Amino acid sequence: YSACSNSTPTATKTPSKDIIVVPQAPNNLSQLCSPNHIQQKGLAACQHACEPASCCMEEDEELNCMNMSSENAEICSQYSACSNSKPTATKTPSKDIIVVPQAPNNLSQLCSPNHIQQKGLAACQHACEPASCCMEEDEELNCMNMSSENVETCSQYSACVFLS
């Protein structure tokens, strides 16, 4: 799969300025991120397709690339379907079980001491929030005890342990 990683366009900084250039959204983004597709196939394909534009939804103004150029603002709007991929812990309708979403790919970077020292805790805290139940001390509220999938998914949030 490593050869495939070269085919995915990602936001890049231009050498002349410190501006992130966001690539055009894939043609099938609205299909990949449709509620129906996500329900049937899961979030992975949608999240992967949205990754190049993750800076468009960044809460930190310095990291948000939408404000860096008018082209980015227009291109970021092409990624509106990505709002369906926003990970949140959810209770399944059939059972009272919280399902923890996959950790963001850049979690260890966001929660690294260097990033926190330079940019603060906000991005790390935001990325860790969907898995806050993994560190819950109350056994009844700790979602690791709710399913074997959560045990594996919660382990992906190991960079968040220092927040609890």
Protein backbone atom coordinates (compact mmCIF):
# COMPACT_ATOMS: atom_id res chain seq x y z
CA TYR A 1 0.00 0.00 0.00
CA SER A 2 2.94 2.35 0.31
CA ALA A 3 2.87 2.99 -3.44
CA CYS A 4 -0.73 4.22 -3.06
CA SER A 5 0.30 6.88 -0.57
CA ASN A 6 2.08 8.75 -3.36
CA SER A 7 -1.13 9.07 -5.36
CA THR A 8 -3.10 11.00 -2.74
CA PRO A 9 -2.80 14.78 -3.18
CA THR A 10 -2.19 16.63 0.06
CA ALA A 11 -2.13 20.26 1.03
CA THR A 12 1.36 21.61 0.47
CA LYS A 13 3.19 24.76 1.47
CA THR A 14 4.39 26.81 -1.48
CA PRO A 15 8.13 27.54 -1.35
CA SER A 16 7.79 31.31 -1.92
CA LYS A 17 5.23 31.94 0.82
CA ASP A 18 4.05 30.13 3.91
CA ILE A 19 0.68 29.41 2.26
CA ILE A 20 -0.89 25.98 2.17
CA VAL A 21 -2.34 25.06 -1.22
CA VAL A 22 -5.33 22.71 -0.97
CA PRO A 23 -5.84 20.26 -3.89
CA GLN A 24 -9.16 19.98 -5.71
CA ALA A 25 -11.68 17.68 -4.01
CA PRO A 26 -12.07 14.20 -5.52
CA ASN A 27 -15.03 13.88 -7.93
CA ASN A 28 -16.60 11.13 -5.82
CA LEU A 29 -16.27 12.93 -2.46
CA SER A 30 -20.00 13.50 -1.97
CA GLN A 31 -20.61 9.79 -2.60
CA LEU A 32 -17.82 8.64 -0.25
CA CYS A 33 -19.06 10.96 2.49
CA SER A 34 -22.78 10.41 2.02
CA PRO A 35 -24.54 9.22 5.20
CA ASN A 36 -25.66 6.09 3.33
CA HIS A 37 -22.10 5.18 2.22
CA ILE A 38 -20.71 5.86 5.70
CA GLN A 39 -23.41 3.71 7.30
CA GLN A 40 -22.75 0.80 4.90
CA LYS A 41 -18.96 1.01 4.46
CA GLY A 42 -17.72 3.06 7.42
CA LEU A 43 -15.87 6.37 7.73
CA ALA A 44 -12.42 5.34 6.46
CA ALA A 45 -12.84 6.19 2.74
CA CYS A 46 -14.50 9.52 3.52
CA GLN A 47 -11.86 10.49 6.08
CA HIS A 48 -9.06 9.50 3.68
CA ALA A 49 -10.60 11.61 0.87
CA CYS A 50 -11.01 14.57 3.27
CA GLU A 51 -7.50 14.41 4.75
CA PRO A 52 -5.89 16.74 2.14
CA ALA A 53 -8.30 19.49 3.21
CA SER A 54 -8.15 18.95 6.97
CA CYS A 55 -6.63 22.43 7.34
CA CYS A 56 -9.89 23.90 5.96
CA MET A 57 -11.68 22.83 9.13
CA GLU A 58 -8.86 23.68 11.52
CA GLU A 59 -10.10 25.69 14.51
CA ASP A 60 -6.71 27.34 15.10
CA GLU A 61 -6.72 30.48 12.88
CA GLU A 62 -2.96 30.19 12.22
CA LEU A 63 -3.38 26.64 10.91
CA ASN A 64 -6.64 27.19 9.00
CA CYS A 65 -5.75 27.37 5.30
CA MET A 66 -9.13 28.70 4.19
CA ASN A 67 -8.08 32.24 5.08
CA MET A 68 -4.71 31.98 3.30
CA SER A 69 -5.99 32.58 -0.24
CA SER A 70 -9.21 33.07 -2.17
CA GLU A 71 -8.42 29.89 -4.13
CA ASN A 72 -8.30 27.90 -0.90
CA ALA A 73 -11.61 29.33 0.27
CA GLU A 74 -13.22 28.16 -2.98
CA ILE A 75 -11.52 24.74 -2.93
CA CYS A 76 -12.32 24.21 0.76
CA SER A 77 -16.00 24.68 -0.05
CA GLN A 78 -15.70 21.64 -2.38
CA TYR A 79 -14.99 19.58 0.74
CA SER A 80 -18.29 20.45 2.48
CA ALA A 81 -19.32 16.76 2.43
CA CYS A 82 -16.44 16.12 4.84
CA SER A 83 -18.57 17.47 7.69
CA ASN A 84 -20.21 14.00 7.67
CA SER A 85 -16.84 12.45 8.56
CA LYS A 86 -16.36 14.44 11.76
CA PRO A 87 -15.57 11.74 14.31
CA THR A 88 -17.62 11.67 17.46
CA ALA A 89 -18.23 8.90 19.93
CA THR A 90 -21.78 7.75 19.34
CA LYS A 91 -24.21 5.44 21.05
CA THR A 92 -25.46 2.72 18.74
CA PRO A 93 -29.27 2.68 18.50
CA SER A 94 -29.61 -1.03 19.25
CA LYS A 95 -27.40 -1.07 22.35
CA ASP A 96 -26.24 1.46 24.88
CA ILE A 97 -22.63 1.11 23.70
CA ILE A 98 -20.38 4.01 22.82
CA VAL A 99 -18.40 3.45 19.62
CA VAL A 100 -15.07 5.28 19.60
CA PRO A 101 -13.94 6.56 16.16
CA GLN A 102 -10.49 5.86 14.71
CA ALA A 103 -7.82 8.28 15.95
CA PRO A 104 -6.71 10.99 13.51
CA ASN A 105 -3.54 10.10 11.59
CA ASN A 106 -1.72 13.16 12.93
CA LEU A 107 -2.64 12.65 16.60
CA SER A 108 0.90 11.95 17.81
CA GLN A 109 2.08 15.12 16.03
CA LEU A 110 -0.74 17.27 17.49
CA CYS A 111 0.00 15.97 20.99
CA SER A 112 3.79 16.07 20.72
CA PRO A 113 5.58 18.21 23.33
CA ASN A 114 7.08 20.32 20.52
CA HIS A 115 3.69 21.05 18.88
CA ILE A 116 2.06 21.80 22.25
CA GLN A 117 4.91 24.13 23.21
CA GLN A 118 4.62 26.03 19.89
CA LYS A 119 0.85 25.98 19.30
CA GLY A 120 -0.72 25.16 22.67
CA LEU A 121 -2.96 22.32 23.85
CA ALA A 122 -6.16 23.14 21.93
CA ALA A 123 -5.54 21.02 18.81
CA CYS A 124 -4.44 18.04 20.90
CA GLN A 125 -7.44 18.32 23.21
CA HIS A 126 -9.80 18.62 20.24
CA ALA A 127 -8.31 15.53 18.57
CA CYS A 128 -8.48 13.53 21.82
CA GLU A 129 -12.04 14.52 22.76
CA PRO A 130 -13.83 11.70 20.84
CA ALA A 131 -11.96 9.17 23.00
CA SER A 132 -12.31 10.88 26.37
CA CYS A 133 -14.45 7.96 27.55
CA CYS A 134 -11.41 5.66 27.09
CA MET A 135 -9.73 7.34 30.07
CA GLU A 136 -12.86 7.59 32.21
CA GLU A 137 -12.17 6.36 35.76
CA ASP A 138 -15.80 5.35 36.38
CA GLU A 139 -16.03 1.72 35.15
CA GLU A 140 -19.62 2.16 33.95
CA LEU A 141 -18.70 5.18 31.81
CA ASN A 142 -15.39 3.81 30.50
CA CYS A 143 -16.07 2.80 26.89
CA MET A 144 -13.12 0.38 26.77
CA ASN A 145 -15.27 -1.99 28.79
CA MET A 146 -18.15 -1.76 26.28
CA SER A 147 -16.65 -3.60 23.30
CA SER A 148 -13.50 -5.31 22.10
CA GLU A 149 -13.35 -2.88 19.15
CA ASN A 150 -13.12 0.03 21.57
CA VAL A 151 -10.14 -1.54 23.34
CA GLU A 152 -8.22 -1.51 20.05
CA THR A 153 -9.47 1.93 18.98
CA CYS A 154 -8.79 3.48 22.40
CA SER A 155 -5.17 2.29 22.19
CA GLN A 156 -4.78 4.52 19.10
CA TYR A 157 -5.29 7.49 21.44
CA SER A 158 -2.27 6.68 23.63
CA ALA A 159 -0.84 10.15 22.90
CA CYS A 160 -3.79 11.59 24.86
CA VAL A 161 -3.05 9.85 28.16
CA PHE A 162 -1.27 12.85 29.66
CA LEU A 163 -4.48 14.92 29.31
CA SER A 164 -6.44 12.80 31.79
